[in-house]
């Protein structure tokens, strides 16, 4: 008898719209909060305002270039 728990299979991939992401190694998720009640805003004067599409895309591009594997858009 093995000490290893084999009751639950460990998933090593995640199907994201037909793309299989390998989860056998850690991944980094970038998070962008889009709602005005977001818990964090870089600039106090922008609190309560929705970011513009150009600003959102710029943040996504930066996160991806810094190593994010996928992005969570909190809306």
N, C-alpha and C. Protein backbone atom coordinates (compact mmCIF):
# COMPACT_ATOMS: atom_id res chain seq x y z
N UNK A 1 0.84 -1.18 0.00
CA UNK A 1 0.00 0.00 0.00
C UNK A 1 0.88 1.24 0.00
N UNK A 2 0.56 2.18 -0.84
CA UNK A 2 1.33 3.42 -0.97
C UNK A 2 0.76 4.49 -0.04
N UNK A 3 1.65 5.35 0.47
CA UNK A 3 1.21 6.48 1.29
C UNK A 3 0.62 7.60 0.43
N UNK A 4 0.87 7.54 -0.86
CA UNK A 4 0.43 8.59 -1.77
C UNK A 4 -1.10 8.55 -1.92
N UNK A 5 -1.74 9.70 -1.81
CA UNK A 5 -3.18 9.80 -1.98
C UNK A 5 -3.48 9.81 -3.48
N UNK A 6 -4.16 8.79 -3.95
CA UNK A 6 -4.47 8.70 -5.38
C UNK A 6 -5.97 8.79 -5.64
N UNK A 7 -6.74 9.17 -4.62
CA UNK A 7 -8.19 9.26 -4.79
C UNK A 7 -8.56 10.37 -5.77
N UNK A 8 -7.93 11.55 -5.63
CA UNK A 8 -8.20 12.68 -6.52
C UNK A 8 -7.07 12.81 -7.52
N UNK A 9 -7.41 12.90 -8.78
CA UNK A 9 -6.40 13.12 -9.81
C UNK A 9 -5.94 14.57 -9.76
N UNK A 10 -4.66 14.78 -9.91
CA UNK A 10 -4.11 16.12 -9.94
C UNK A 10 -4.14 16.61 -11.38
N UNK A 11 -4.83 17.73 -11.60
CA UNK A 11 -4.89 18.29 -12.95
C UNK A 11 -3.62 19.09 -13.20
N UNK A 12 -2.98 18.80 -14.31
CA UNK A 12 -1.75 19.53 -14.65
C UNK A 12 -1.95 20.47 -15.82
N UNK A 13 -3.18 20.55 -16.33
CA UNK A 13 -3.49 21.50 -17.40
C UNK A 13 -4.81 22.18 -17.09
N UNK A 14 -4.98 23.35 -17.67
CA UNK A 14 -6.21 24.12 -17.54
C UNK A 14 -6.64 24.49 -18.95
N UNK A 15 -7.88 24.13 -19.32
CA UNK A 15 -8.39 24.44 -20.65
C UNK A 15 -8.98 25.84 -20.63
N UNK A 16 -8.34 26.75 -21.36
CA UNK A 16 -8.79 28.14 -21.44
C UNK A 16 -9.18 28.42 -22.88
N UNK A 17 -10.45 28.28 -23.17
CA UNK A 17 -10.94 28.52 -24.52
C UNK A 17 -10.25 27.68 -25.58
N UNK A 18 -9.96 26.42 -25.26
CA UNK A 18 -9.31 25.54 -26.22
C UNK A 18 -7.80 25.52 -26.11
N UNK A 19 -7.23 26.46 -25.36
CA UNK A 19 -5.78 26.48 -25.13
C UNK A 19 -5.50 25.75 -23.83
N UNK A 20 -4.62 24.75 -23.86
CA UNK A 20 -4.27 24.02 -22.65
C UNK A 20 -3.06 24.65 -22.00
N UNK A 21 -3.26 25.23 -20.82
CA UNK A 21 -2.17 25.84 -20.07
C UNK A 21 -1.57 24.78 -19.15
N UNK A 22 -0.27 24.61 -19.23
CA UNK A 22 0.45 23.65 -18.41
C UNK A 22 0.59 24.19 -16.99
N UNK A 23 0.05 23.46 -16.02
CA UNK A 23 0.10 23.89 -14.62
C UNK A 23 1.12 23.10 -13.80
N UNK A 24 2.01 22.39 -14.48
CA UNK A 24 3.01 21.62 -13.74
C UNK A 24 4.10 22.53 -13.17
N UNK A 25 4.14 23.77 -13.65
CA UNK A 25 5.05 24.78 -13.11
C UNK A 25 4.22 26.01 -12.73
N UNK A 26 4.64 26.80 -11.74
CA UNK A 26 3.86 27.96 -11.31
C UNK A 26 3.63 28.97 -12.44
N UNK A 27 2.49 29.64 -12.39
CA UNK A 27 2.12 30.69 -13.34
C UNK A 27 1.86 31.98 -12.57
N UNK A 28 2.01 33.10 -13.26
CA UNK A 28 1.76 34.42 -12.67
C UNK A 28 0.51 35.00 -13.30
N UNK A 29 -0.42 35.49 -12.45
CA UNK A 29 -1.63 36.13 -12.95
C UNK A 29 -1.57 37.62 -12.64
N UNK A 30 -1.76 38.44 -13.67
CA UNK A 30 -1.88 39.88 -13.46
C UNK A 30 -3.34 40.19 -13.15
N UNK A 31 -3.58 41.15 -12.26
CA UNK A 31 -4.94 41.51 -11.88
C UNK A 31 -5.16 42.99 -12.13
N UNK A 32 -6.22 43.31 -12.86
CA UNK A 32 -6.59 44.70 -13.12
C UNK A 32 -8.01 44.90 -12.61
N UNK A 33 -8.17 45.82 -11.67
CA UNK A 33 -9.48 46.14 -11.12
C UNK A 33 -10.09 47.28 -11.95
N UNK A 34 -11.25 47.03 -12.53
CA UNK A 34 -11.86 47.99 -13.44
C UNK A 34 -12.97 48.82 -12.81
N UNK A 35 -13.45 48.43 -11.66
CA UNK A 35 -14.59 49.12 -11.06
C UNK A 35 -14.14 50.32 -10.23
N UNK A 36 -14.99 51.33 -10.12
CA UNK A 36 -14.64 52.52 -9.36
C UNK A 36 -14.43 52.25 -7.87
N UNK A 37 -14.99 51.16 -7.35
CA UNK A 37 -14.83 50.84 -5.92
C UNK A 37 -13.64 49.93 -5.67
N UNK A 38 -12.73 49.89 -6.62
CA UNK A 38 -11.54 49.06 -6.50
C UNK A 38 -10.79 49.39 -5.22
N UNK A 39 -10.19 48.36 -4.60
CA UNK A 39 -9.49 48.58 -3.33
C UNK A 39 -8.16 49.28 -3.51
N UNK A 40 -7.69 49.44 -4.75
CA UNK A 40 -6.40 50.09 -4.98
C UNK A 40 -6.47 50.95 -6.23
N UNK A 41 -6.03 52.17 -6.12
CA UNK A 41 -5.88 53.07 -7.26
C UNK A 41 -4.51 53.70 -7.16
N UNK A 42 -3.79 53.80 -8.26
CA UNK A 42 -2.46 54.39 -8.23
C UNK A 42 -2.50 55.87 -7.86
N UNK A 43 -3.49 56.58 -8.38
CA UNK A 43 -3.56 58.02 -8.15
C UNK A 43 -4.87 58.36 -7.45
N UNK A 44 -4.78 59.06 -6.35
CA UNK A 44 -5.97 59.41 -5.57
C UNK A 44 -6.99 60.20 -6.39
N UNK A 45 -6.53 61.09 -7.28
CA UNK A 45 -7.47 61.91 -8.04
C UNK A 45 -8.29 61.09 -9.03
N UNK A 46 -7.85 59.85 -9.34
CA UNK A 46 -8.59 59.01 -10.28
C UNK A 46 -9.59 58.09 -9.57
N UNK A 47 -9.65 58.13 -8.25
CA UNK A 47 -10.56 57.24 -7.51
C UNK A 47 -12.00 57.52 -7.94
N UNK A 48 -12.73 56.44 -8.24
CA UNK A 48 -14.12 56.58 -8.64
C UNK A 48 -14.32 56.71 -10.13
N UNK A 49 -13.24 56.75 -10.90
CA UNK A 49 -13.35 56.86 -12.35
C UNK A 49 -12.95 55.54 -12.99
N UNK A 50 -13.68 55.14 -14.03
CA UNK A 50 -13.33 53.94 -14.77
C UNK A 50 -12.12 54.23 -15.66
N UNK A 51 -11.17 53.30 -15.74
CA UNK A 51 -10.01 53.52 -16.62
C UNK A 51 -10.42 53.44 -18.09
N UNK A 52 -9.71 54.15 -18.94
CA UNK A 52 -9.98 54.13 -20.37
C UNK A 52 -9.38 52.87 -20.98
N UNK A 53 -9.95 52.43 -22.12
CA UNK A 53 -9.48 51.22 -22.80
C UNK A 53 -7.99 51.28 -23.09
N UNK A 54 -7.51 52.44 -23.53
CA UNK A 54 -6.09 52.60 -23.85
C UNK A 54 -5.22 52.34 -22.62
N UNK A 55 -5.66 52.85 -21.48
CA UNK A 55 -4.94 52.66 -20.23
C UNK A 55 -4.95 51.19 -19.81
N UNK A 56 -6.10 50.53 -19.96
CA UNK A 56 -6.22 49.11 -19.61
C UNK A 56 -5.29 48.28 -20.47
N UNK A 57 -5.31 48.51 -21.79
CA UNK A 57 -4.45 47.75 -22.70
C UNK A 57 -2.98 47.97 -22.39
N UNK A 58 -2.62 49.18 -22.04
CA UNK A 58 -1.24 49.48 -21.68
C UNK A 58 -0.82 48.70 -20.44
N UNK A 59 -1.70 48.63 -19.44
CA UNK A 59 -1.40 47.87 -18.22
C UNK A 59 -1.27 46.37 -18.53
N UNK A 60 -2.15 45.85 -19.39
CA UNK A 60 -2.08 44.44 -19.78
C UNK A 60 -0.77 44.15 -20.48
N UNK A 61 -0.39 44.99 -21.45
CA UNK A 61 0.87 44.80 -22.17
C UNK A 61 2.06 44.81 -21.22
N UNK A 62 2.04 45.72 -20.25
CA UNK A 62 3.14 45.80 -19.29
C UNK A 62 3.21 44.53 -18.44
N UNK A 63 2.05 44.07 -17.96
CA UNK A 63 2.04 42.85 -17.14
C UNK A 63 2.54 41.64 -17.92
N UNK A 64 2.10 41.52 -19.18
CA UNK A 64 2.56 40.40 -20.00
C UNK A 64 4.06 40.47 -20.27
N UNK A 65 4.56 41.68 -20.52
CA UNK A 65 6.00 41.83 -20.77
C UNK A 65 6.82 41.56 -19.52
N UNK A 66 6.20 41.71 -18.34
CA UNK A 66 6.90 41.46 -17.08
C UNK A 66 6.73 40.01 -16.60
N UNK A 67 6.06 39.18 -17.41
CA UNK A 67 6.01 37.76 -17.09
C UNK A 67 4.67 37.18 -16.72
N UNK A 68 3.59 37.98 -16.74
CA UNK A 68 2.27 37.42 -16.43
C UNK A 68 1.87 36.44 -17.52
N UNK A 69 1.27 35.33 -17.12
CA UNK A 69 0.82 34.32 -18.07
C UNK A 69 -0.63 34.53 -18.47
N UNK A 70 -1.42 35.12 -17.58
CA UNK A 70 -2.80 35.45 -17.90
C UNK A 70 -3.24 36.61 -17.02
N UNK A 71 -4.34 37.27 -17.42
CA UNK A 71 -4.80 38.49 -16.76
C UNK A 71 -6.23 38.30 -16.25
N UNK A 72 -6.47 38.71 -15.02
CA UNK A 72 -7.81 38.71 -14.44
C UNK A 72 -8.32 40.14 -14.48
N UNK A 73 -9.43 40.36 -15.19
CA UNK A 73 -10.05 41.69 -15.24
C UNK A 73 -11.21 41.71 -14.26
N UNK A 74 -11.05 42.42 -13.16
CA UNK A 74 -12.09 42.51 -12.13
C UNK A 74 -13.08 43.60 -12.48
N UNK A 75 -14.28 43.20 -12.81
CA UNK A 75 -15.30 44.16 -13.19
C UNK A 75 -16.54 44.00 -12.34
